[in-house]
């Protein structure tokens, strides 16, 4: 999904036909401009949701729902708290939102306060209502994580894995994280090996579930160090499974799961949005697909292929979601 200059449109890619579609404008009120990279996206129950963000120095509670059948947006019930820079996850066909920052105007033009959020809530698309769940305890967080103006709770990462929500803590000096169990409605500490080895998450869409396995993409100190890690829940450890990801310097990037394979959505040096698929060298389908895709590079047992590329002019890569239609 690509969010343009006016902040009101996105694009969708069909990975099979490799065709792009521009979605209708999200917000009919043109006076409401959501600042880039402040809102969140999620896909649940066959629909796409755009949530929260910042407009006019205030965080938003608004929720917008896109129905691919009618190709239209509609307003859904708002969140209980205005949020920006937060995470979303889907469990049991319900949409969870966690953490983030609450912005509020405090005086003159462009003056606002920032409050880190530990709170979380869940949306049931069948009845269209939100419910509160317990706040993250953040037991291993640094004391400064919850001070006004702190950005330690921004885009901390989240994965819906094995029936629970896993939230790594980048604001912990010793490594830590929280796990929410919807069956007990309780938070618990993340397993030590999982928390300490989880690649740092400084943005959304850097962890993904493919065929039940948890993967994470870490860029490292430079684009040449980018690797994909796989988590082993049996011994709570991580290992490198893709030793190289062809990213460009300073480009945004997001890890996705499409049609049972790892994909990376990123930007190239010419500001094109490119979608790359990781094909195993011994995958018999890869050789067929390579006829109409560009092989970018190889990484031991994987071949990276560009399956789609497009230049949207001036645009910002905001977020990516996989929507089954």
C-alpha atoms as a PDB file:
ATOM      1  CA  UNK A   1       0.000   0.000   0.000  1.00  0.00           C
ATOM      2  CA  UNK A   2       1.345   3.402  -0.991  1.00  0.00           C
ATOM      3  CA  UNK A   3       0.075   6.623   0.542  1.00  0.00           C
ATOM      4  CA  UNK A   4       0.348   9.651  -1.692  1.00  0.00           C
ATOM      5  CA  UNK A   5       1.090  13.312  -1.149  1.00  0.00           C
ATOM      6  CA  UNK A   6      -2.492  14.248  -0.327  1.00  0.00           C
ATOM      7  CA  UNK A   7      -2.706  11.412   2.205  1.00  0.00           C
ATOM      8  CA  UNK A   8      -6.004  10.139   0.805  1.00  0.00           C
ATOM      9  CA  UNK A   9      -5.296   7.210  -1.470  1.00  0.00           C
ATOM     10  CA  UNK A  10      -3.644   3.827  -1.474  1.00  0.00           C
ATOM     11  CA  UNK A  11      -2.776   1.225  -4.081  1.00  0.00           C
ATOM     12  CA  UNK A  12      -3.307  -2.519  -4.117  1.00  0.00           C
ATOM     13  CA  UNK A  13      -1.341  -5.184  -5.963  1.00  0.00           C
ATOM     14  CA  UNK A  14      -2.725  -8.505  -7.188  1.00  0.00           C
ATOM     15  CA  UNK A  15       0.348 -10.776  -6.811  1.00  0.00           C
ATOM     16  CA  UNK A  16      -1.032 -13.311  -9.288  1.00  0.00           C
ATOM     17  CA  UNK A  17      -1.896 -11.041 -12.219  1.00  0.00           C
ATOM     18  CA  UNK A  18       0.748  -8.494 -11.089  1.00  0.00           C
ATOM     19  CA  UNK A  19      -1.686  -5.642 -11.712  1.00  0.00           C
ATOM     20  CA  UNK A  20      -2.061  -2.518  -9.597  1.00  0.00           C
ATOM     21  CA  UNK A  21      -5.314  -0.882  -8.547  1.00  0.00           C
ATOM     22  CA  UNK A  22      -5.757   2.558  -7.058  1.00  0.00           C
ATOM     23  CA  UNK A  23      -8.237   2.521  -4.189  1.00  0.00           C
ATOM     24  CA  UNK A  24     -10.878   5.243  -3.759  1.00  0.00           C
ATOM     25  CA  UNK A  25     -10.073   8.224  -1.507  1.00  0.00           C
ATOM     26  CA  UNK A  26     -10.098   7.219   2.145  1.00  0.00           C
ATOM     27  CA  UNK A  27     -11.361  10.359   3.864  1.00  0.00           C
ATOM     28  CA  UNK A  28     -14.116  12.374   2.175  1.00  0.00           C
ATOM     29  CA  UNK A  29     -13.357  15.454   4.307  1.00  0.00           C
ATOM     30  CA  UNK A  30     -10.393  17.047   2.540  1.00  0.00           C
ATOM     31  CA  UNK A  31      -9.804  19.396   5.481  1.00  0.00           C
ATOM     32  CA  UNK A  32      -8.681  16.394   7.549  1.00  0.00           C
ATOM     33  CA  UNK A  33      -5.081  15.641   6.612  1.00  0.00           C
ATOM     34  CA  UNK A  34      -3.432  12.742   8.391  1.00  0.00           C
ATOM     35  CA  UNK A  35       0.302  13.188   8.786  1.00  0.00           C
ATOM     36  CA  UNK A  36       2.423  10.636   6.966  1.00  0.00           C
ATOM     37  CA  UNK A  37       3.468   7.480   8.834  1.00  0.00           C
ATOM     38  CA  UNK A  38       1.339   8.190  11.913  1.00  0.00           C
ATOM     39  CA  UNK A  39      -1.643   5.902  11.247  1.00  0.00           C
ATOM     40  CA  UNK A  40      -1.848   2.104  11.237  1.00  0.00           C
ATOM     41  CA  UNK A  41      -3.340  -0.495   8.904  1.00  0.00           C
ATOM     42  CA  UNK A  42      -4.845  -3.935   9.443  1.00  0.00           C
ATOM     43  CA  UNK A  43      -6.731  -6.552   7.444  1.00  0.00           C
ATOM     44  CA  UNK A  44      -9.454  -8.601   9.123  1.00  0.00           C
ATOM     45  CA  UNK A  45     -12.647 -10.358   8.050  1.00  0.00           C
ATOM     46  CA  UNK A  46     -12.006  -9.634   4.369  1.00  0.00           C
ATOM     47  CA  UNK A  47     -11.691  -5.857   4.810  1.00  0.00           C
ATOM     48  CA  UNK A  48      -8.861  -3.339   5.148  1.00  0.00           C
ATOM     49  CA  UNK A  49      -8.777  -0.879   8.049  1.00  0.00           C
ATOM     50  CA  UNK A  50      -6.943   2.422   8.461  1.00  0.00           C
ATOM     51  CA  UNK A  51      -6.780   3.560  12.071  1.00  0.00           C
ATOM     52  CA  UNK A  52      -5.742   6.621  14.056  1.00  0.00           C
ATOM     53  CA  UNK A  53      -2.896   8.918  13.127  1.00  0.00           C
ATOM     54  CA  UNK A  54      -2.210  12.600  13.739  1.00  0.00           C
ATOM     55  CA  UNK A  55      -4.094  15.554  12.279  1.00  0.00           C
ATOM     56  CA  UNK A  56      -3.723  19.144  13.420  1.00  0.00           C
ATOM     57  CA  UNK A  57      -1.462  18.300  16.396  1.00  0.00           C
ATOM     58  CA  UNK A  58      -4.012  15.830  17.797  1.00  0.00           C
ATOM     59  CA  UNK A  59      -4.104  12.045  17.625  1.00  0.00           C
ATOM     60  CA  UNK A  60      -7.202  10.513  16.074  1.00  0.00           C
ATOM     61  CA  UNK A  61      -9.617   7.857  17.258  1.00  0.00           C
ATOM     62  CA  UNK A  62     -11.045   7.406  13.765  1.00  0.00           C
ATOM     63  CA  UNK A  63     -11.287   4.040  12.004  1.00  0.00           C
ATOM     64  CA  UNK A  64     -11.921   3.662   8.268  1.00  0.00           C
ATOM     65  CA  UNK A  65     -12.977   0.382   6.659  1.00  0.00           C
ATOM     66  CA  UNK A  66     -12.385  -0.585   3.025  1.00  0.00           C
ATOM     67  CA  UNK A  67     -14.665  -3.241   1.506  1.00  0.00           C
ATOM     68  CA  UNK A  68     -13.073  -4.745  -1.647  1.00  0.00           C
ATOM     69  CA  UNK A  69     -16.432  -6.091  -2.833  1.00  0.00           C
ATOM     70  CA  UNK A  70     -18.042  -2.650  -3.036  1.00  0.00           C
ATOM     71  CA  UNK A  71     -14.663  -0.916  -3.599  1.00  0.00           C
ATOM     72  CA  UNK A  72     -15.594   1.745  -1.059  1.00  0.00           C
ATOM     73  CA  UNK A  73     -14.597   3.151   2.332  1.00  0.00           C
ATOM     74  CA  UNK A  74     -16.892   3.712   5.298  1.00  0.00           C
ATOM     75  CA  UNK A  75     -16.423   4.961   8.846  1.00  0.00           C
ATOM     76  CA  UNK A  76     -16.302   2.292  11.552  1.00  0.00           C
ATOM     77  CA  UNK A  77     -16.742   2.854  15.274  1.00  0.00           C
ATOM     78  CA  UNK A  78     -13.782   4.843  16.651  1.00  0.00           C
ATOM     79  CA  UNK A  79     -11.170   3.661  19.123  1.00  0.00           C
ATOM     80  CA  UNK A  80     -11.582   4.755  22.733  1.00  0.00           C
ATOM     81  CA  UNK A  81      -8.235   6.593  22.693  1.00  0.00           C
ATOM     82  CA  UNK A  82      -6.560   8.643  19.986  1.00  0.00           C
ATOM     83  CA  UNK A  83      -3.394   6.858  18.875  1.00  0.00           C
ATOM     84  CA  UNK A  84      -0.449   7.435  16.562  1.00  0.00           C
ATOM     85  CA  UNK A  85       2.632   5.315  15.794  1.00  0.00           C
ATOM     86  CA  UNK A  86       0.986   2.201  17.215  1.00  0.00           C
ATOM     87  CA  UNK A  87       0.783  -1.477  16.302  1.00  0.00           C
ATOM     88  CA  UNK A  88      -2.039  -3.729  15.151  1.00  0.00           C
ATOM     89  CA  UNK A  89      -2.544  -7.479  15.192  1.00  0.00           C
ATOM     90  CA  UNK A  90      -5.284  -9.962  14.338  1.00  0.00           C
ATOM     91  CA  UNK A  91      -6.262 -12.946  16.482  1.00  0.00           C
ATOM     92  CA  UNK A  92      -9.399 -15.069  16.209  1.00  0.00           C
ATOM     93  CA  UNK A  93     -10.787 -12.718  13.557  1.00  0.00           C
ATOM     94  CA  UNK A  94     -10.531  -9.743  15.919  1.00  0.00           C
ATOM     95  CA  UNK A  95      -8.393  -6.620  15.518  1.00  0.00           C
ATOM     96  CA  UNK A  96      -6.075  -5.577  18.357  1.00  0.00           C
ATOM     97  CA  UNK A  97      -4.344  -2.204  18.747  1.00  0.00           C
ATOM     98  CA  UNK A  98      -1.454  -1.753  21.184  1.00  0.00           C
ATOM     99  CA  UNK A  99       0.624   1.131  22.521  1.00  0.00           C
ATOM    100  CA  UNK A 100       1.622   4.198  20.551  1.00  0.00           C
ATOM    101  CA  UNK A 101       1.545   7.904  21.357  1.00  0.00           C
ATOM    102  CA  UNK A 102      -1.353  10.208  22.227  1.00  0.00           C
ATOM    103  CA  UNK A 103      -0.967  13.774  20.914  1.00  0.00           C
ATOM    104  CA  UNK A 104      -3.045  16.709  22.174  1.00  0.00           C
ATOM    105  CA  UNK A 105      -2.950  20.437  21.480  1.00  0.00           C
ATOM    106  CA  UNK A 106      -1.863  22.488  24.504  1.00  0.00           C
ATOM    107  CA  UNK A 107      -1.880  26.073  23.326  1.00  0.00           C
ATOM    108  CA  UNK A 108      -0.956  28.075  20.278  1.00  0.00           C
ATOM    109  CA  UNK A 109      -0.264  26.866  16.781  1.00  0.00           C
ATOM    110  CA  UNK A 110       1.770  23.676  16.523  1.00  0.00           C
ATOM    111  CA  UNK A 111       2.084  23.280  20.307  1.00  0.00           C
ATOM    112  CA  UNK A 112       1.174  19.842  21.601  1.00  0.00           C
ATOM    113  CA  UNK A 113       1.924  17.283  24.273  1.00  0.00           C
ATOM    114  CA  UNK A 114       2.902  13.650  23.692  1.00  0.00           C
ATOM    115  CA  UNK A 115       1.825  10.882  26.044  1.00  0.00           C
ATOM    116  CA  UNK A 116       3.166   7.314  25.617  1.00  0.00           C
ATOM    117  CA  UNK A 117       0.421   4.677  25.768  1.00  0.00           C
ATOM    118  CA  UNK A 118       0.525   1.268  27.410  1.00  0.00           C
ATOM    119  CA  UNK A 119      -3.161   0.673  26.764  1.00  0.00           C
ATOM    120  CA  UNK A 120      -4.654  -1.794  24.299  1.00  0.00           C
ATOM    121  CA  UNK A 121      -8.110  -2.541  22.904  1.00  0.00           C
ATOM    122  CA  UNK A 122      -9.794  -5.011  20.575  1.00  0.00           C
ATOM    123  CA  UNK A 123     -12.318  -4.580  17.752  1.00  0.00           C
ATOM    124  CA  UNK A 124     -14.842  -7.256  16.792  1.00  0.00           C
ATOM    125  CA  UNK A 125     -15.752  -6.727  13.101  1.00  0.00           C
ATOM    126  CA  UNK A 126     -18.842  -8.926  13.396  1.00  0.00           C
ATOM    127  CA  UNK A 127     -20.554  -6.524  15.808  1.00  0.00           C
ATOM    128  CA  UNK A 128     -18.487  -3.428  15.009  1.00  0.00           C
ATOM    129  CA  UNK A 129     -17.582  -2.622  18.629  1.00  0.00           C
ATOM    130  CA  UNK A 130     -14.380  -1.978  20.601  1.00  0.00           C
ATOM    131  CA  UNK A 131     -13.545  -3.437  24.015  1.00  0.00           C
ATOM    132  CA  UNK A 132     -10.718  -2.623  26.406  1.00  0.00           C
ATOM    133  CA  UNK A 133      -8.156  -5.249  27.335  1.00  0.00           C
ATOM    134  CA  UNK A 134      -5.553  -4.940  30.103  1.00  0.00           C
ATOM    135  CA  UNK A 135      -2.719  -2.493  29.479  1.00  0.00           C
ATOM    136  CA  UNK A 136       0.774  -3.791  28.775  1.00  0.00           C
ATOM    137  CA  UNK A 137       2.673  -4.048  32.079  1.00  0.00           C
ATOM    138  CA  UNK A 138       6.017  -3.313  30.357  1.00  0.00           C
ATOM    139  CA  UNK A 139       7.766  -4.798  33.372  1.00  0.00           C
ATOM    140  CA  UNK A 140      11.288  -4.440  31.952  1.00  0.00           C
ATOM    141  CA  UNK A 141      10.917  -0.982  30.450  1.00  0.00           C
ATOM    142  CA  UNK A 142      13.380   1.784  31.197  1.00  0.00           C
ATOM    143  CA  UNK A 143      11.948   4.361  33.651  1.00  0.00           C
ATOM    144  CA  UNK A 144      12.054   7.054  30.949  1.00  0.00           C
ATOM    145  CA  UNK A 145       9.848   5.063  28.553  1.00  0.00           C
ATOM    146  CA  UNK A 146       6.641   6.574  29.904  1.00  0.00           C
ATOM    147  CA  UNK A 147       7.739  10.182  30.364  1.00  0.00           C
ATOM    148  CA  UNK A 148       6.001  12.863  28.323  1.00  0.00           C
ATOM    149  CA  UNK A 149       7.800  13.325  25.011  1.00  0.00           C
ATOM    150  CA  UNK A 150       9.370   9.856  25.054  1.00  0.00           C
ATOM    151  CA  UNK A 151       9.113   7.951  21.772  1.00  0.00           C
ATOM    152  CA  UNK A 152      10.168   4.606  23.237  1.00  0.00           C
ATOM    153  CA  UNK A 153       6.702   3.117  22.661  1.00  0.00           C
ATOM    154  CA  UNK A 154       6.616   4.126  18.998  1.00  0.00           C
ATOM    155  CA  UNK A 155       6.291   1.248  16.522  1.00  0.00           C
ATOM    156  CA  UNK A 156       7.646  -1.302  18.958  1.00  0.00           C
ATOM    157  CA  UNK A 157       6.609  -4.214  16.754  1.00  0.00           C
ATOM    158  CA  UNK A 158       3.944  -6.883  17.136  1.00  0.00           C
ATOM    159  CA  UNK A 159       3.312 -10.414  15.897  1.00  0.00           C
ATOM    160  CA  UNK A 160       0.179 -12.582  16.106  1.00  0.00           C
ATOM    161  CA  UNK A 161       1.822 -15.954  16.675  1.00  0.00           C
ATOM    162  CA  UNK A 162       0.525 -19.306  17.909  1.00  0.00           C
ATOM    163  CA  UNK A 163      -2.716 -17.820  19.234  1.00  0.00           C
ATOM    164  CA  UNK A 164      -1.131 -14.954  21.178  1.00  0.00           C
ATOM    165  CA  UNK A 165       0.087 -11.384  20.642  1.00  0.00           C
ATOM    166  CA  UNK A 166       3.853 -10.932  20.968  1.00  0.00           C
ATOM    167  CA  UNK A 167       5.137  -7.387  21.563  1.00  0.00           C
ATOM    168  CA  UNK A 168       8.942  -6.962  21.700  1.00  0.00           C
ATOM    169  CA  UNK A 169      10.255  -4.064  23.790  1.00  0.00           C
ATOM    170  CA  UNK A 170      12.897  -1.944  22.138  1.00  0.00           C
ATOM    171  CA  UNK A 171      12.735   0.392  25.150  1.00  0.00           C
ATOM    172  CA  UNK A 172      14.265  -2.225  27.482  1.00  0.00           C
ATOM    173  CA  UNK A 173      17.992  -2.119  28.160  1.00  0.00           C
ATOM    174  CA  UNK A 174      18.054  -5.818  29.078  1.00  0.00           C
ATOM    175  CA  UNK A 175      15.793  -7.161  26.364  1.00  0.00           C
ATOM    176  CA  UNK A 176      12.197  -7.987  27.053  1.00  0.00           C
ATOM    177  CA  UNK A 177       8.710  -8.181  25.704  1.00  0.00           C
ATOM    178  CA  UNK A 178       5.080  -8.837  26.477  1.00  0.00           C
ATOM    179  CA  UNK A 179       2.764 -11.666  25.441  1.00  0.00           C
ATOM    180  CA  UNK A 180      -1.023 -11.308  25.513  1.00  0.00           C
ATOM    181  CA  UNK A 181      -3.149 -14.449  25.827  1.00  0.00           C
ATOM    182  CA  UNK A 182      -6.770 -13.840  24.692  1.00  0.00           C
ATOM    183  CA  UNK A 183      -7.902 -17.024  26.457  1.00  0.00           C
ATOM    184  CA  UNK A 184      -6.911 -15.713  29.896  1.00  0.00           C
ATOM    185  CA  UNK A 185      -7.076 -11.980  29.032  1.00  0.00           C
ATOM    186  CA  UNK A 186      -3.672 -11.558  30.668  1.00  0.00           C
ATOM    187  CA  UNK A 187      -0.209 -10.282  29.725  1.00  0.00           C
ATOM    188  CA  UNK A 188       2.934 -12.232  30.572  1.00  0.00           C
ATOM    189  CA  UNK A 189       6.666 -11.867  29.994  1.00  0.00           C
ATOM    190  CA  UNK A 190       8.008 -12.994  26.640  1.00  0.00           C
ATOM    191  CA  UNK A 191      10.344 -16.031  26.751  1.00  0.00           C
ATOM    192  CA  UNK A 192      13.880 -14.821  27.439  1.00  0.00           C
ATOM    193  CA  UNK A 193      15.493 -16.263  24.315  1.00  0.00           C
ATOM    194  CA  UNK A 194      12.730 -14.918  22.116  1.00  0.00           C
ATOM    195  CA  UNK A 195      12.977 -11.421  23.588  1.00  0.00           C
ATOM    196  CA  UNK A 196      16.765 -11.164  23.627  1.00  0.00           C
ATOM    197  CA  UNK A 197      17.170 -12.517  20.111  1.00  0.00           C
ATOM    198  CA  UNK A 198      14.288 -10.666  18.451  1.00  0.00           C
ATOM    199  CA  UNK A 199      15.817  -8.380  15.816  1.00  0.00           C
ATOM    200  CA  UNK A 200      15.304  -4.712  16.772  1.00  0.00           C
ATOM    201  CA  UNK A 201      11.964  -3.423  15.458  1.00  0.00           C
ATOM    202  CA  UNK A 202      12.054   0.281  14.685  1.00  0.00           C
ATOM    203  CA  UNK A 203       8.996   0.257  12.458  1.00  0.00           C
ATOM    204  CA  UNK A 204       5.956  -1.683  11.454  1.00  0.00           C
ATOM    205  CA  UNK A 205       5.809  -4.660   9.057  1.00  0.00           C
ATOM    206  CA  UNK A 206       9.215  -6.035  10.040  1.00  0.00           C
ATOM    207  CA  UNK A 207       7.845  -9.291  11.452  1.00  0.00           C
ATOM    208  CA  UNK A 208       5.491 -11.650   9.636  1.00  0.00           C
ATOM    209  CA  UNK A 209       3.901 -15.083   9.931  1.00  0.00           C
ATOM    210  CA  UNK A 210       4.241 -17.407   6.921  1.00  0.00           C
ATOM    211  CA  UNK A 211       2.753 -20.905   7.148  1.00  0.00           C
ATOM    212  CA  UNK A 212       2.687 -20.615  10.931  1.00  0.00           C
ATOM    213  CA  UNK A 213       6.351 -19.610  11.261  1.00  0.00           C
ATOM    214  CA  UNK A 214       7.551 -16.273  12.657  1.00  0.00           C
ATOM    215  CA  UNK A 215      10.083 -14.327  10.570  1.00  0.00           C
ATOM    216  CA  UNK A 216      11.713 -10.963  11.275  1.00  0.00           C
ATOM    217  CA  UNK A 217      13.716  -8.665   9.011  1.00  0.00           C
ATOM    218  CA  UNK A 218      16.622  -6.702  10.450  1.00  0.00           C
ATOM    219  CA  UNK A 219      18.496  -4.197   8.331  1.00  0.00           C
ATOM    220  CA  UNK A 220      21.564  -3.909  10.522  1.00  0.00           C
ATOM    221  CA  UNK A 221      23.964  -0.992  10.372  1.00  0.00           C
ATOM    222  CA  UNK A 222      23.695  -0.770   6.578  1.00  0.00           C
ATOM    223  CA  UNK A 223      21.525  -2.152   3.804  1.00  0.00           C
ATOM    224  CA  UNK A 224      24.219  -4.721   3.000  1.00  0.00           C
ATOM    225  CA  UNK A 225      23.701  -6.301   6.430  1.00  0.00           C
ATOM    226  CA  UNK A 226      19.956  -6.950   6.001  1.00  0.00           C
ATOM    227  CA  UNK A 227      18.925 -10.476   6.999  1.00  0.00           C
ATOM    228  CA  UNK A 228      15.757 -12.461   7.660  1.00  0.00           C
ATOM    229  CA  UNK A 229      15.550 -14.438  10.898  1.00  0.00           C
ATOM    230  CA  UNK A 230      13.329 -17.418  11.783  1.00  0.00           C
ATOM    231  CA  UNK A 231      12.105 -18.102  15.328  1.00  0.00           C
ATOM    232  CA  UNK A 232      12.178 -21.618  16.818  1.00  0.00           C
ATOM    233  CA  UNK A 233       9.564 -21.826  19.574  1.00  0.00           C
ATOM    234  CA  UNK A 234      10.894 -25.171  20.833  1.00  0.00           C
ATOM    235  CA  UNK A 235      14.103 -23.666  22.232  1.00  0.00           C
ATOM    236  CA  UNK A 236      13.158 -19.946  22.060  1.00  0.00           C
ATOM    237  CA  UNK A 237      15.952 -19.105  19.630  1.00  0.00           C
ATOM    238  CA  UNK A 238      16.422 -17.216  16.356  1.00  0.00           C
ATOM    239  CA  UNK A 239      18.511 -18.183  13.347  1.00  0.00           C
ATOM    240  CA  UNK A 240      19.341 -16.504  10.049  1.00  0.00           C
ATOM    241  CA  UNK A 241      17.474 -18.137   7.151  1.00  0.00           C
ATOM    242  CA  UNK A 242      18.045 -15.498   4.463  1.00  0.00           C
ATOM    243  CA  UNK A 243      21.557 -14.097   4.662  1.00  0.00           C
ATOM    244  CA  UNK A 244      21.060 -11.142   2.336  1.00  0.00           C
ATOM    245  CA  UNK A 245      18.141  -8.915   1.373  1.00  0.00           C
ATOM    246  CA  UNK A 246      18.771  -6.445  -1.501  1.00  0.00           C
ATOM    247  CA  UNK A 247      17.749  -3.179   0.118  1.00  0.00           C
ATOM    248  CA  UNK A 248      18.826   0.290  -0.966  1.00  0.00           C
ATOM    249  CA  UNK A 249      20.377   2.783   1.410  1.00  0.00           C
ATOM    250  CA  UNK A 250      17.841   4.883   3.350  1.00  0.00           C
ATOM    251  CA  UNK A 251      14.887   3.200   1.636  1.00  0.00           C
ATOM    252  CA  UNK A 252      11.878   2.085   3.649  1.00  0.00           C
ATOM    253  CA  UNK A 253      11.171  -1.617   3.653  1.00  0.00           C
ATOM    254  CA  UNK A 254       8.491  -4.000   4.896  1.00  0.00           C
ATOM    255  CA  UNK A 255       8.323  -7.764   5.283  1.00  0.00           C
ATOM    256  CA  UNK A 256       5.210  -9.511   3.982  1.00  0.00           C
ATOM    257  CA  UNK A 257       3.759 -12.969   3.566  1.00  0.00           C
ATOM    258  CA  UNK A 258       1.955 -13.564   0.264  1.00  0.00           C
ATOM    259  CA  UNK A 259       0.776 -16.891  -1.141  1.00  0.00           C
ATOM    260  CA  UNK A 260       2.872 -18.781   1.391  1.00  0.00           C
ATOM    261  CA  UNK A 261       6.171 -17.023   0.600  1.00  0.00           C
ATOM    262  CA  UNK A 262       8.273 -14.246   2.076  1.00  0.00           C
ATOM    263  CA  UNK A 263       8.085 -10.907   0.257  1.00  0.00           C
ATOM    264  CA  UNK A 264       9.780  -7.569   0.832  1.00  0.00           C
ATOM    265  CA  UNK A 265       8.174  -4.297  -0.247  1.00  0.00           C
ATOM    266  CA  UNK A 266      10.668  -1.457  -0.564  1.00  0.00           C
ATOM    267  CA  UNK A 267      11.844   1.474  -2.678  1.00  0.00           C
ATOM    268  CA  UNK A 268      14.686   1.546  -5.191  1.00  0.00           C
ATOM    269  CA  UNK A 269      17.054   4.375  -6.117  1.00  0.00           C
ATOM    270  CA  UNK A 270      14.535   5.714  -8.651  1.00  0.00           C
ATOM    271  CA  UNK A 271      11.711   5.954  -6.073  1.00  0.00           C
ATOM    272  CA  UNK A 272       9.912   2.954  -7.540  1.00  0.00           C
ATOM    273  CA  UNK A 273       7.917   0.790  -5.164  1.00  0.00           C
ATOM    274  CA  UNK A 274       9.172  -2.748  -5.740  1.00  0.00           C
ATOM    275  CA  UNK A 275       7.814  -6.056  -4.459  1.00  0.00           C
ATOM    276  CA  UNK A 276      10.395  -8.846  -4.142  1.00  0.00           C
ATOM    277  CA  UNK A 277       9.675 -12.515  -3.519  1.00  0.00           C
ATOM    278  CA  UNK A 278      12.094 -14.954  -1.867  1.00  0.00           C
ATOM    279  CA  UNK A 279      12.146 -18.181  -3.917  1.00  0.00           C
ATOM    280  CA  UNK A 280      14.035 -21.218  -2.705  1.00  0.00           C
ATOM    281  CA  UNK A 281      16.647 -22.425  -5.175  1.00  0.00           C
ATOM    282  CA  UNK A 282      15.099 -25.884  -5.253  1.00  0.00           C
ATOM    283  CA  UNK A 283      11.548 -24.530  -5.636  1.00  0.00           C
ATOM    284  CA  UNK A 284      10.244 -25.912  -8.921  1.00  0.00           C
ATOM    285  CA  UNK A 285       7.816 -22.999  -9.308  1.00  0.00           C
ATOM    286  CA  UNK A 286      10.556 -20.389  -9.132  1.00  0.00           C
ATOM    287  CA  UNK A 287      11.991 -21.156 -12.551  1.00  0.00           C
ATOM    288  CA  UNK A 288       8.591 -20.666 -14.163  1.00  0.00           C
ATOM    289  CA  UNK A 289       7.939 -17.387 -12.405  1.00  0.00           C
ATOM    290  CA  UNK A 290      11.398 -16.048 -13.241  1.00  0.00           C
ATOM    291  CA  UNK A 291      10.362 -15.789 -16.889  1.00  0.00           C
ATOM    292  CA  UNK A 292       8.343 -12.660 -16.086  1.00  0.00           C
ATOM    293  CA  UNK A 293      10.247 -11.306 -13.093  1.00  0.00           C
ATOM    294  CA  UNK A 294      13.698  -9.839 -12.616  1.00  0.00           C
ATOM    295  CA  UNK A 295      16.135 -11.861 -10.535  1.00  0.00           C
ATOM    296  CA  UNK A 296      17.703  -9.328  -8.195  1.00  0.00           C
ATOM    297  CA  UNK A 297      20.264 -11.353  -6.306  1.00  0.00           C
ATOM    298  CA  UNK A 298      20.844 -14.654  -4.584  1.00  0.00           C
ATOM    299  CA  UNK A 299      21.212 -15.466  -0.910  1.00  0.00           C
ATOM    300  CA  UNK A 300      22.546 -18.968  -0.362  1.00  0.00           C
ATOM    301  CA  UNK A 301      19.386 -21.078  -0.718  1.00  0.00           C
ATOM    302  CA  UNK A 302      17.143 -18.186  -1.841  1.00  0.00           C
ATOM    303  CA  UNK A 303      16.717 -16.148  -5.019  1.00  0.00           C
ATOM    304  CA  UNK A 304      15.120 -12.712  -4.773  1.00  0.00           C
ATOM    305  CA  UNK A 305      12.823 -11.882  -7.689  1.00  0.00           C
ATOM    306  CA  UNK A 306      11.004  -8.628  -8.384  1.00  0.00           C
ATOM    307  CA  UNK A 307       7.391  -9.582  -9.078  1.00  0.00           C
ATOM    308  CA  UNK A 308       6.088  -6.020  -9.446  1.00  0.00           C
ATOM    309  CA  UNK A 309       7.401  -2.482  -9.680  1.00  0.00           C
ATOM    310  CA  UNK A 310       5.737   0.885 -10.117  1.00  0.00           C
ATOM    311  CA  UNK A 311       6.516   4.569  -9.762  1.00  0.00           C
ATOM    312  CA  UNK A 312       3.708   6.491  -8.073  1.00  0.00           C
ATOM    313  CA  UNK A 313       5.392   9.860  -8.369  1.00  0.00           C
ATOM    314  CA  UNK A 314       5.681  11.552  -4.997  1.00  0.00           C
ATOM    315  CA  UNK A 315       4.460   9.046  -2.459  1.00  0.00           C
ATOM    316  CA  UNK A 316       5.398   7.507   0.844  1.00  0.00           C
ATOM    317  CA  UNK A 317       5.450   3.822   1.686  1.00  0.00           C
ATOM    318  CA  UNK A 318       3.129   3.842   4.698  1.00  0.00           C
ATOM    319  CA  UNK A 319       2.247   0.227   5.337  1.00  0.00           C
ATOM    320  CA  UNK A 320       1.424  -3.124   3.764  1.00  0.00           C
ATOM    321  CA  UNK A 321      -1.349  -5.598   4.412  1.00  0.00           C
ATOM    322  CA  UNK A 322      -2.339  -8.869   2.761  1.00  0.00           C
ATOM    323  CA  UNK A 323      -6.057  -9.001   1.980  1.00  0.00           C
ATOM    324  CA  UNK A 324      -7.739 -12.192   0.775  1.00  0.00           C
ATOM    325  CA  UNK A 325     -10.622 -11.564  -1.619  1.00  0.00           C
END
